[in-house]
Amino acid sequence: MASISNLSSPITPLKSSPVLPPPPATAVYLGFPSRLNLSSSKLSVRSTVPLAASLLVKCSQNGGNGSHVKRTTLHDLYEKQGQSPWYDNLCRPVTDLIPLIESGVRGVTSNPAIFQKAISTSNAYNDQFRELVQGGKDIESAYWELVVKDIQDACRLFEPIYDETDGGDGYVSVEVSPRLADDTQGTVDAAQWLHKVVDRPNVYIKIPATAACVPSVRDVISLGISVNVTLIFSLSRYEAVIDAYLDGLEASGLDDLSRVTSVASFFVSRVDTLVDKMLEKIGTPEALNLRGKAANAQAALAFQLYQKKFSGPRWEALVKKGAKKQRLLWASTSVKNPAYPDTLYVAPLVGPDTVSTMPDQALQAFIDHGTVGRTIDANVSEAEGIYNALEKLGIDWSYVGNQLELEGVDSFKKSFDSLLDSLQEKANSLKLVNL
């Protein structure tokens, strides 16, 4: 982090935002979406949620004396199948999260792109930003203080869930600077700093699963800091991430490992985006019939790997010290291809001890017409067949993973740099600094 030295002193703890009584939320059940028809080179088109349908945060209604929250599919997802629905977005005011929490959301993820959109398009950050810059903070230092406030406030909202589940859920994730994706020790230092300044038990420090940062995951876990390992696109890198978590637990020297937890964010929709292009370039009927299937097939195999790695003598020895499994988290769950069902990366990936983090569109779609049932390992042999068939067609899974990782890191770097530029322009427009 370029200005980490300027941020060594802890940020002054912020008073929690006022929490208003949650209004009752509404939800509609319309049944499970039709499945993809990939028997021909054409893809069947499914209508998405009408634009007129409101997002959860907007479809709450003020009650009279007291309120009643209607159950949603998100409650069933957690209670019946053991999967935690999280929300992949964060902006001010964080109290907008209250109706979502009441509707069953159990955690929040953020990333540089999310904060880029939140801060650059809103005036909600102006007062704090003005104060920081007038107080002598440089632009990047000011950015981190804006982020930390949002994360702290969100952590307060989710802390009851964290407490109720004994640290099993209710986390809010914040990512280290994407500029550190190739810096092992810099990532460790940044993770320590973020953990210290946020100072909340239910914060996850996000670290990318790049070759340079997998060792960082091990070191940060060994320090007793909980981690969300992000940008995982391949089975081989996922296995390295699990090993880093186990190595970190073993190296920690802690007698009680129950408070050191982790999730592994396995990305899905972006896999199909890339593989579909490769299949269309091949152009054969067999190749075209495999479009829209690569991501979920690989995810199903990731779940098999998860079950294998978190069993046996090595894992049982850690369990005796209170260790908790590093849960699989499905990320990038929004549908990029409008021809695909809008719950394609949620409904087929339901399984125990997992997390699904959903942006607005995917969350709304699943609440509106998703059904709950264990699907992640419903047909493992089919997933293996798809995975192998793609290989036979010349799809190199190592290339796919490496390419998507490069694109993901680059995208976050661009979002981060763009946001800093926007903040500089905002500072100039507010006449806060002299150039």
Protein backbone atom coordinates (compact mmCIF):
# COMPACT_ATOMS: atom_id res chain seq x y z
CA MET A 1 0.00 0.00 0.00
CA ALA A 2 1.65 3.19 -1.18
CA SER A 3 0.76 5.27 1.85
CA ILE A 4 0.78 2.57 4.52
CA SER A 5 3.45 4.42 6.47
CA ASN A 6 1.18 7.44 6.65
CA LEU A 7 -1.57 5.32 8.15
CA SER A 8 0.35 3.66 10.95
CA SER A 9 -1.56 5.41 13.70
CA PRO A 10 -4.91 3.82 14.52
CA ILE A 11 -8.00 5.57 13.23
CA THR A 12 -10.08 7.11 15.94
CA PRO A 13 -13.00 4.77 16.70
CA LEU A 14 -16.20 6.11 15.21
CA LYS A 15 -19.48 6.30 16.99
CA SER A 16 -22.00 3.89 15.55
CA SER A 17 -24.63 5.26 13.23
CA PRO A 18 -28.13 5.39 14.63
CA VAL A 19 -29.96 2.17 13.91
CA LEU A 20 -33.62 2.59 13.12
CA PRO A 21 -36.19 -0.11 13.81
CA PRO A 22 -36.31 -2.34 10.74
CA PRO A 23 -39.45 -2.10 8.65
CA PRO A 24 -41.12 -5.28 7.48
CA ALA A 25 -39.80 -6.61 4.19
CA THR A 26 -41.84 -8.22 1.48
CA ALA A 27 -40.93 -11.08 -0.80
CA VAL A 28 -42.63 -12.92 -3.61
CA TYR A 29 -42.19 -16.55 -4.56
CA LEU A 30 -42.66 -17.40 -8.21
CA GLY A 31 -41.00 -20.80 -8.36
CA PHE A 32 -37.75 -22.07 -9.79
CA PRO A 33 -36.54 -20.58 -13.09
CA SER A 34 -36.57 -22.75 -16.16
CA ARG A 35 -33.33 -24.57 -16.84
CA LEU A 36 -30.96 -23.82 -19.67
CA ASN A 37 -31.62 -25.66 -22.90
CA LEU A 38 -28.19 -26.31 -24.35
CA SER A 39 -29.15 -29.16 -26.66
CA SER A 40 -28.62 -26.96 -29.68
CA SER A 41 -26.27 -24.14 -30.59
CA LYS A 42 -28.95 -21.68 -29.55
CA LEU A 43 -29.57 -20.82 -25.94
CA SER A 44 -33.06 -20.55 -24.58
CA VAL A 45 -33.84 -17.11 -23.25
CA ARG A 46 -35.42 -16.62 -19.87
CA SER A 47 -37.01 -13.37 -18.82
CA THR A 48 -35.29 -11.70 -15.92
CA VAL A 49 -36.93 -9.92 -13.01
CA PRO A 50 -38.94 -6.99 -14.39
CA LEU A 51 -37.22 -3.65 -14.00
CA ALA A 52 -40.26 -2.42 -12.17
CA ALA A 53 -39.63 -4.93 -9.38
CA SER A 54 -37.99 -3.22 -6.44
CA LEU A 55 -34.80 -4.29 -4.80
CA LEU A 56 -35.19 -5.60 -1.27
CA VAL A 57 -33.83 -2.47 0.28
CA LYS A 58 -36.56 -0.52 -1.49
CA CYS A 59 -39.48 -2.90 -1.08
CA SER A 60 -39.86 -2.48 2.66
CA GLN A 61 -42.98 -0.84 4.02
CA ASN A 62 -43.43 1.13 7.19
CA GLY A 63 -45.49 -0.73 9.75
CA GLY A 64 -47.83 0.62 12.39
CA ASN A 65 -47.39 -0.52 15.97
CA GLY A 66 -44.55 -3.00 15.73
CA SER A 67 -43.45 -4.88 12.61
CA HIS A 68 -43.44 -8.36 11.18
CA VAL A 69 -40.76 -9.57 8.82
CA LYS A 70 -41.89 -12.03 6.20
CA ARG A 71 -39.69 -15.05 5.70
CA THR A 72 -37.81 -15.20 2.43
CA THR A 73 -35.94 -17.88 0.53
CA LEU A 74 -32.78 -16.52 2.17
CA HIS A 75 -33.97 -17.68 5.59
CA ASP A 76 -34.69 -21.11 4.17
CA LEU A 77 -31.35 -21.20 2.40
CA TYR A 78 -29.54 -20.88 5.72
CA GLU A 79 -31.88 -22.80 8.00
CA LYS A 80 -32.65 -25.73 5.70
CA GLN A 81 -29.46 -26.06 3.66
CA GLY A 82 -26.76 -24.45 5.78
CA GLN A 83 -25.72 -21.93 3.12
CA SER A 84 -25.19 -18.33 4.21
CA PRO A 85 -26.53 -15.65 1.83
CA TRP A 86 -24.33 -12.56 1.80
CA TYR A 87 -24.72 -9.25 0.01
CA ASP A 88 -22.03 -8.19 -2.46
CA ASN A 89 -22.31 -4.44 -2.12
CA LEU A 90 -21.75 -1.66 0.41
CA CYS A 91 -22.42 2.07 0.39
CA ARG A 92 -23.67 4.84 2.62
CA PRO A 93 -25.85 4.96 4.54
CA VAL A 94 -25.07 1.49 5.83
CA THR A 95 -28.43 1.49 7.63
CA ASP A 96 -29.85 0.60 4.20
CA LEU A 97 -28.57 -2.88 5.03
CA ILE A 98 -31.13 -3.30 7.82
CA PRO A 99 -34.03 -4.48 5.60
CA LEU A 100 -31.63 -6.88 3.89
CA ILE A 101 -30.53 -8.33 7.21
CA GLU A 102 -34.17 -8.75 8.20
CA SER A 103 -34.74 -10.52 4.89
CA GLY A 104 -32.05 -13.07 5.64
CA VAL A 105 -28.74 -11.57 4.50
CA ARG A 106 -26.00 -12.73 6.88
CA GLY A 107 -22.86 -10.92 5.75
CA VAL A 108 -21.39 -8.38 3.34
CA THR A 109 -18.55 -8.42 0.84
CA SER A 110 -16.87 -5.41 -0.70
CA ASN A 111 -14.06 -4.82 -3.16
CA PRO A 112 -12.28 -1.88 -4.81
CA ALA A 113 -14.85 -1.75 -7.63
CA ILE A 114 -17.73 -1.54 -5.15
CA PHE A 115 -16.11 1.32 -3.24
CA GLN A 116 -15.17 3.05 -6.47
CA LYS A 117 -18.84 3.17 -7.44
CA ALA A 118 -20.08 4.04 -3.95
CA ILE A 119 -17.69 6.90 -3.24
CA SER A 120 -17.39 8.43 -6.72
CA THR A 121 -21.15 8.58 -7.34
CA SER A 122 -22.37 9.74 -3.94
CA ASN A 123 -22.27 12.93 -1.91
CA ALA A 124 -22.63 10.94 1.31
CA TYR A 125 -18.86 10.88 1.74
CA ASN A 126 -18.23 14.60 1.18
CA ASP A 127 -18.35 15.81 4.78
CA GLN A 128 -15.93 13.20 6.10
CA PHE A 129 -13.69 13.58 3.06
CA ARG A 130 -13.54 17.37 3.50
CA GLU A 131 -12.63 16.96 7.16
CA LEU A 132 -9.88 14.47 6.38
CA VAL A 133 -8.22 16.47 3.64
CA GLN A 134 -8.45 19.73 5.57
CA GLY A 135 -6.83 17.83 8.43
CA GLY A 136 -3.81 17.09 6.28
CA LYS A 137 -4.60 13.60 4.98
CA ASP A 138 -3.37 12.73 1.52
CA ILE A 139 -5.90 11.34 -0.96
CA GLU A 140 -5.14 7.65 -0.44
CA SER A 141 -5.08 7.98 3.34
CA ALA A 142 -8.43 9.74 3.17
CA TYR A 143 -9.79 6.94 0.98
CA TRP A 144 -8.88 4.30 3.55
CA GLU A 145 -10.56 6.24 6.34
CA LEU A 146 -13.77 6.48 4.29
CA VAL A 147 -13.63 2.73 3.71
CA VAL A 148 -12.86 1.89 7.32
CA LYS A 149 -15.85 3.88 8.56
CA ASP A 150 -18.20 1.99 6.24
CA ILE A 151 -16.71 -1.35 7.26
CA GLN A 152 -16.91 -0.54 10.97
CA ASP A 153 -20.52 0.61 10.70
CA ALA A 154 -21.48 -2.50 8.72
CA CYS A 155 -19.68 -4.74 11.22
CA ARG A 156 -21.80 -3.26 14.01
CA LEU A 157 -24.97 -4.16 12.15
CA PHE A 158 -23.86 -7.75 11.59
CA GLU A 159 -22.25 -8.31 14.98
CA PRO A 160 -25.46 -9.78 16.50
CA ILE A 161 -25.35 -12.52 13.84
CA TYR A 162 -21.66 -13.07 14.56
CA ASP A 163 -22.43 -13.42 18.27
CA GLU A 164 -25.45 -15.67 17.77
CA THR A 165 -23.43 -18.07 15.61
CA ASP A 166 -20.34 -17.99 17.83
CA GLY A 167 -18.24 -16.47 15.07
CA GLY A 168 -19.66 -18.67 12.36
CA ASP A 169 -21.33 -15.92 10.34
CA GLY A 170 -22.05 -12.19 10.24
CA TYR A 171 -18.81 -11.07 8.59
CA VAL A 172 -18.00 -7.93 6.60
CA SER A 173 -15.10 -8.15 4.14
CA VAL A 174 -12.64 -5.41 3.19
CA GLU A 175 -9.86 -5.88 0.66
CA VAL A 176 -6.22 -4.82 0.86
CA SER A 177 -4.98 -2.50 -1.86
CA PRO A 178 -5.04 -4.23 -5.27
CA ARG A 179 -1.65 -2.65 -5.91
CA LEU A 180 -0.22 -5.30 -3.58
CA ALA A 181 -1.30 -8.32 -5.62
CA ASP A 182 2.33 -9.21 -6.34
CA ASP A 183 3.74 -8.16 -2.96
CA THR A 184 3.78 -10.94 -0.37
CA GLN A 185 5.06 -9.01 2.64
CA GLY A 186 3.28 -5.81 1.68
CA THR A 187 0.01 -7.72 1.71
CA VAL A 188 0.77 -9.13 5.17
CA ASP A 189 1.56 -5.63 6.46
CA ALA A 190 -1.59 -4.17 4.91
CA ALA A 191 -3.75 -6.97 6.35
CA GLN A 192 -2.34 -6.36 9.83
CA TRP A 193 -2.97 -2.64 9.51
CA LEU A 194 -6.54 -3.04 8.27
CA HIS A 195 -7.33 -5.57 10.99
CA LYS A 196 -5.99 -3.17 13.61
CA VAL A 197 -7.79 -0.04 12.45
CA VAL A 198 -11.15 -1.68 11.76
CA ASP A 199 -10.93 -3.33 15.17
CA ARG A 200 -14.05 -5.46 14.86
CA PRO A 201 -14.21 -9.21 15.61
CA ASN A 202 -16.36 -9.87 12.54
CA VAL A 203 -14.19 -8.29 9.86
CA TYR A 204 -12.66 -10.38 7.10
CA ILE A 205 -9.51 -9.05 5.46
CA LYS A 206 -9.66 -9.89 1.77
CA ILE A 207 -6.45 -11.12 0.15
CA PRO A 208 -6.24 -12.11 -3.53
CA ALA A 209 -5.26 -15.68 -4.34
CA THR A 210 -2.37 -14.66 -6.57
CA ALA A 211 0.81 -16.74 -6.53
CA ALA A 212 2.51 -14.01 -4.50
CA CYS A 213 -0.33 -13.64 -2.00
CA VAL A 214 -1.11 -17.28 -1.20
CA PRO A 215 1.92 -17.26 1.17
CA SER A 216 0.49 -14.01 2.60
CA VAL A 217 -2.70 -15.90 3.48
CA ARG A 218 -0.69 -18.43 5.46
CA ASP A 219 1.18 -15.71 7.35
CA VAL A 220 -1.91 -13.62 8.09
CA ILE A 221 -3.86 -16.65 9.35
CA SER A 222 -0.88 -17.59 11.55
CA LEU A 223 -1.18 -14.13 13.14
CA GLY A 224 -4.73 -14.92 14.20
CA ILE A 225 -6.39 -12.68 11.60
CA SER A 226 -9.45 -13.97 9.76
CA VAL A 227 -9.23 -13.85 5.96
CA ASN A 228 -11.45 -13.86 2.90
CA VAL A 229 -9.26 -15.24 0.10
CA THR A 230 -10.57 -13.76 -3.13
CA LEU A 231 -10.14 -14.09 -6.90
CA ILE A 232 -9.97 -17.90 -7.00
CA PHE A 233 -10.63 -19.18 -10.51
CA SER A 234 -9.15 -22.70 -10.66
CA LEU A 235 -9.11 -25.94 -8.69
CA SER A 236 -5.33 -25.98 -8.41
CA ARG A 237 -5.20 -22.48 -6.92
CA TYR A 238 -8.11 -23.33 -4.64
CA GLU A 239 -6.21 -26.30 -3.23
CA ALA A 240 -3.20 -24.05 -2.61
CA VAL A 241 -5.48 -21.65 -0.72
CA ILE A 242 -6.82 -24.45 1.49
CA ASP A 243 -3.26 -25.58 2.23
CA ALA A 244 -2.28 -22.02 3.11
CA TYR A 245 -5.17 -21.86 5.59
CA LEU A 246 -4.23 -25.18 7.19
CA ASP A 247 -0.54 -24.23 7.29
CA GLY A 248 -1.44 -20.92 8.91
CA LEU A 249 -3.55 -22.56 11.60
CA GLU A 250 -0.77 -25.01 12.38
CA ALA A 251 1.84 -22.24 12.51
CA SER A 252 -0.23 -19.96 14.73
CA GLY A 253 0.73 -21.59 17.99
CA LEU A 254 -2.72 -20.77 19.35
CA ASP A 255 -4.36 -23.19 21.75
CA ASP A 256 -7.81 -21.98 20.73
CA LEU A 257 -8.31 -21.65 16.94
CA SER A 258 -12.05 -20.99 17.09
CA ARG A 259 -11.76 -17.25 16.38
CA VAL A 260 -9.51 -17.59 13.34
CA THR A 261 -11.81 -18.26 10.41
CA SER A 262 -11.73 -17.93 6.66
CA VAL A 263 -13.72 -18.17 3.45
CA ALA A 264 -12.36 -19.01 0.01
CA SER A 265 -14.08 -16.90 -2.66
CA PHE A 266 -14.42 -19.09 -5.74
CA PHE A 267 -15.55 -17.04 -8.75
CA VAL A 268 -18.12 -18.50 -11.11
CA SER A 269 -19.79 -16.34 -13.77
CA ARG A 270 -16.53 -14.92 -15.08
CA VAL A 271 -15.42 -18.47 -15.86
CA ASP A 272 -18.32 -18.94 -18.25
CA THR A 273 -17.71 -15.52 -19.80
CA LEU A 274 -14.22 -16.55 -20.86
CA VAL A 275 -14.85 -20.22 -21.62
CA ASP A 276 -17.96 -19.43 -23.69
CA LYS A 277 -15.86 -17.19 -25.94
CA MET A 278 -13.35 -20.01 -26.37
CA LEU A 279 -16.14 -22.47 -27.18
CA GLU A 280 -17.69 -20.12 -29.73
CA LYS A 281 -14.30 -19.80 -31.40
CA ILE A 282 -14.12 -23.61 -31.67
CA GLY A 283 -17.63 -23.48 -33.12
CA THR A 284 -18.53 -27.16 -33.28
CA PRO A 285 -21.98 -28.33 -32.10
CA GLU A 286 -20.30 -30.15 -29.20
CA ALA A 287 -18.46 -26.99 -28.15
CA LEU A 288 -21.52 -24.77 -28.46
CA ASN A 289 -23.57 -27.20 -26.38
CA LEU A 290 -21.14 -26.76 -23.48
CA ARG A 291 -21.68 -23.02 -23.20
CA GLY A 292 -22.90 -21.91 -19.80
CA LYS A 293 -21.77 -25.12 -18.11
CA ALA A 294 -18.07 -24.67 -17.31
CA ALA A 295 -18.39 -22.46 -14.23
CA ASN A 296 -20.86 -24.55 -12.27
CA ALA A 297 -19.12 -27.80 -13.24
CA GLN A 298 -15.84 -26.51 -11.85
CA ALA A 299 -17.63 -25.19 -8.75
CA ALA A 300 -19.16 -28.61 -8.09
CA LEU A 301 -15.68 -30.15 -8.24
CA ALA A 302 -14.38 -27.44 -5.91
CA PHE A 303 -16.97 -28.54 -3.36
CA GLN A 304 -15.70 -32.12 -3.68
CA LEU A 305 -12.18 -30.86 -3.03
CA TYR A 306 -13.42 -28.90 -0.03
CA GLN A 307 -14.96 -32.02 1.51
CA LYS A 308 -11.81 -34.03 0.89
CA LYS A 309 -9.37 -31.50 2.32
CA PHE A 310 -11.41 -30.79 5.44
CA SER A 311 -11.43 -34.37 6.62
CA GLY A 312 -8.86 -36.90 7.79
CA PRO A 313 -6.18 -36.92 10.53
CA ARG A 314 -4.62 -33.54 9.76
CA TRP A 315 -7.91 -31.70 9.91
CA GLU A 316 -9.16 -33.62 12.94
CA ALA A 317 -6.06 -32.57 14.87
CA LEU A 318 -6.92 -28.93 14.18
CA VAL A 319 -10.57 -29.46 15.08
CA LYS A 320 -9.46 -30.54 18.56
CA LYS A 321 -8.07 -27.02 18.94
CA GLY A 322 -11.35 -25.45 17.85
CA ALA A 323 -10.54 -24.92 14.17
CA LYS A 324 -13.40 -24.15 11.79
CA LYS A 325 -13.55 -25.11 8.15
CA GLN A 326 -12.58 -22.53 5.57
CA ARG A 327 -15.97 -22.22 3.93
CA LEU A 328 -16.36 -22.10 0.17
CA LEU A 329 -17.86 -18.80 -0.93
CA TRP A 330 -19.42 -18.47 -4.36
CA ALA A 331 -18.51 -15.08 -5.79
CA SER A 332 -19.26 -13.41 -9.12
CA THR A 333 -22.80 -14.78 -8.97
CA SER A 334 -24.41 -12.20 -11.25
CA VAL A 335 -25.30 -13.42 -14.73
CA LYS A 336 -23.23 -11.74 -17.44
CA ASN A 337 -25.07 -13.34 -20.38
CA PRO A 338 -28.72 -12.20 -20.54
CA ALA A 339 -29.61 -15.46 -22.35
CA TYR A 340 -28.96 -17.39 -19.12
CA PRO A 341 -31.34 -17.80 -16.18
CA ASP A 342 -30.76 -15.02 -13.66
CA THR A 343 -30.19 -17.49 -10.83
CA LEU A 344 -27.76 -19.67 -12.80
CA TYR A 345 -24.88 -19.04 -10.39
CA VAL A 346 -26.93 -19.29 -7.20
CA ALA A 347 -29.54 -22.06 -7.46
CA PRO A 348 -27.19 -24.84 -8.71
CA LEU A 349 -24.59 -24.09 -6.03
CA VAL A 350 -26.56 -24.67 -2.84
CA GLY A 351 -24.72 -26.79 -0.30
CA PRO A 352 -23.91 -26.99 3.43
CA ASP A 353 -21.18 -24.91 5.07
CA THR A 354 -20.96 -22.63 2.05
CA VAL A 355 -21.61 -18.95 1.37
CA SER A 356 -23.20 -17.29 -1.66
CA THR A 357 -22.50 -13.59 -1.97
CA MET A 358 -24.94 -11.90 -4.32
CA PRO A 359 -25.09 -8.43 -5.84
CA ASP A 360 -28.47 -6.72 -6.19
CA GLN A 361 -29.66 -8.46 -9.34
CA ALA A 362 -28.81 -12.00 -8.24
CA LEU A 363 -30.16 -11.41 -4.73
CA GLN A 364 -33.44 -10.03 -5.97
CA ALA A 365 -33.83 -12.80 -8.53
CA PHE A 366 -33.26 -15.58 -6.01
CA ILE A 367 -35.70 -14.09 -3.50
CA ASP A 368 -38.24 -13.53 -6.25
CA HIS A 369 -38.24 -16.97 -7.87
CA GLY A 370 -35.52 -19.15 -6.38
CA THR A 371 -36.18 -22.45 -4.67
CA VAL A 372 -34.10 -24.01 -1.92
CA GLY A 373 -32.63 -27.48 -2.20
CA ARG A 374 -29.21 -29.07 -2.05
CA THR A 375 -27.83 -28.92 -5.58
CA ILE A 376 -24.04 -28.54 -5.37
CA ASP A 377 -23.37 -32.28 -5.38
CA ALA A 378 -26.59 -33.49 -6.99
CA ASN A 379 -24.72 -34.77 -10.05
CA VAL A 380 -20.97 -34.86 -9.53
CA SER A 381 -20.41 -37.32 -12.37
CA GLU A 382 -22.03 -34.89 -14.79
CA ALA A 383 -19.78 -32.10 -13.55
CA GLU A 384 -16.72 -34.30 -14.03
CA GLY A 385 -17.91 -35.17 -17.53
CA ILE A 386 -18.33 -31.50 -18.47
CA TYR A 387 -14.94 -30.58 -17.01
CA ASN A 388 -13.20 -33.38 -18.92
CA ALA A 389 -15.13 -32.72 -22.14
CA LEU A 390 -13.96 -29.11 -22.07
CA GLU A 391 -10.37 -30.27 -21.67
CA LYS A 392 -10.72 -32.62 -24.65
CA LEU A 393 -11.93 -29.71 -26.73
CA GLY A 394 -8.72 -27.85 -25.92
CA ILE A 395 -9.90 -25.70 -23.04
CA ASP A 396 -6.84 -25.33 -20.81
CA TRP A 397 -8.12 -24.86 -17.27
CA SER A 398 -4.76 -23.49 -16.12
CA TYR A 399 -4.92 -20.83 -18.81
CA VAL A 400 -8.51 -19.98 -17.85
CA GLY A 401 -7.55 -19.56 -14.19
CA ASN A 402 -4.45 -17.50 -14.89
CA GLN A 403 -6.17 -15.27 -17.44
CA LEU A 404 -9.14 -14.54 -15.19
CA GLU A 405 -6.84 -13.82 -12.26
CA LEU A 406 -4.90 -11.30 -14.35
CA GLU A 407 -8.14 -9.68 -15.51
CA GLY A 408 -9.56 -9.60 -11.98
CA VAL A 409 -6.48 -8.00 -10.45
CA ASP A 410 -6.24 -5.52 -13.32
CA SER A 411 -9.91 -4.61 -12.99
CA PHE A 412 -9.56 -3.92 -9.27
CA LYS A 413 -6.39 -1.89 -9.83
CA LYS A 414 -8.17 0.24 -12.41
CA SER A 415 -11.13 0.75 -10.08
CA PHE A 416 -8.78 1.71 -7.25
CA ASP A 417 -6.78 4.15 -9.39
CA SER A 418 -9.96 5.60 -10.90
CA LEU A 419 -11.39 6.19 -7.44
CA LEU A 420 -8.24 7.96 -6.25
CA ASP A 421 -8.43 10.16 -9.35
CA SER A 422 -12.09 10.88 -8.60
CA LEU A 423 -11.24 11.80 -5.03
CA GLN A 424 -8.49 14.11 -6.23
CA GLU A 425 -10.98 15.81 -8.53
CA LYS A 426 -13.49 16.02 -5.69
CA ALA A 427 -10.83 17.60 -3.48
CA ASN A 428 -10.07 20.10 -6.24
CA SER A 429 -13.76 20.91 -6.75
CA LEU A 430 -14.19 21.42 -3.04
CA LYS A 431 -11.10 23.63 -3.16
CA LEU A 432 -9.56 21.59 -0.38
CA VAL A 433 -6.04 21.35 -1.73
CA ASN A 434 -3.70 23.52 -3.68
CA LEU A 435 -2.10 21.85 -6.66
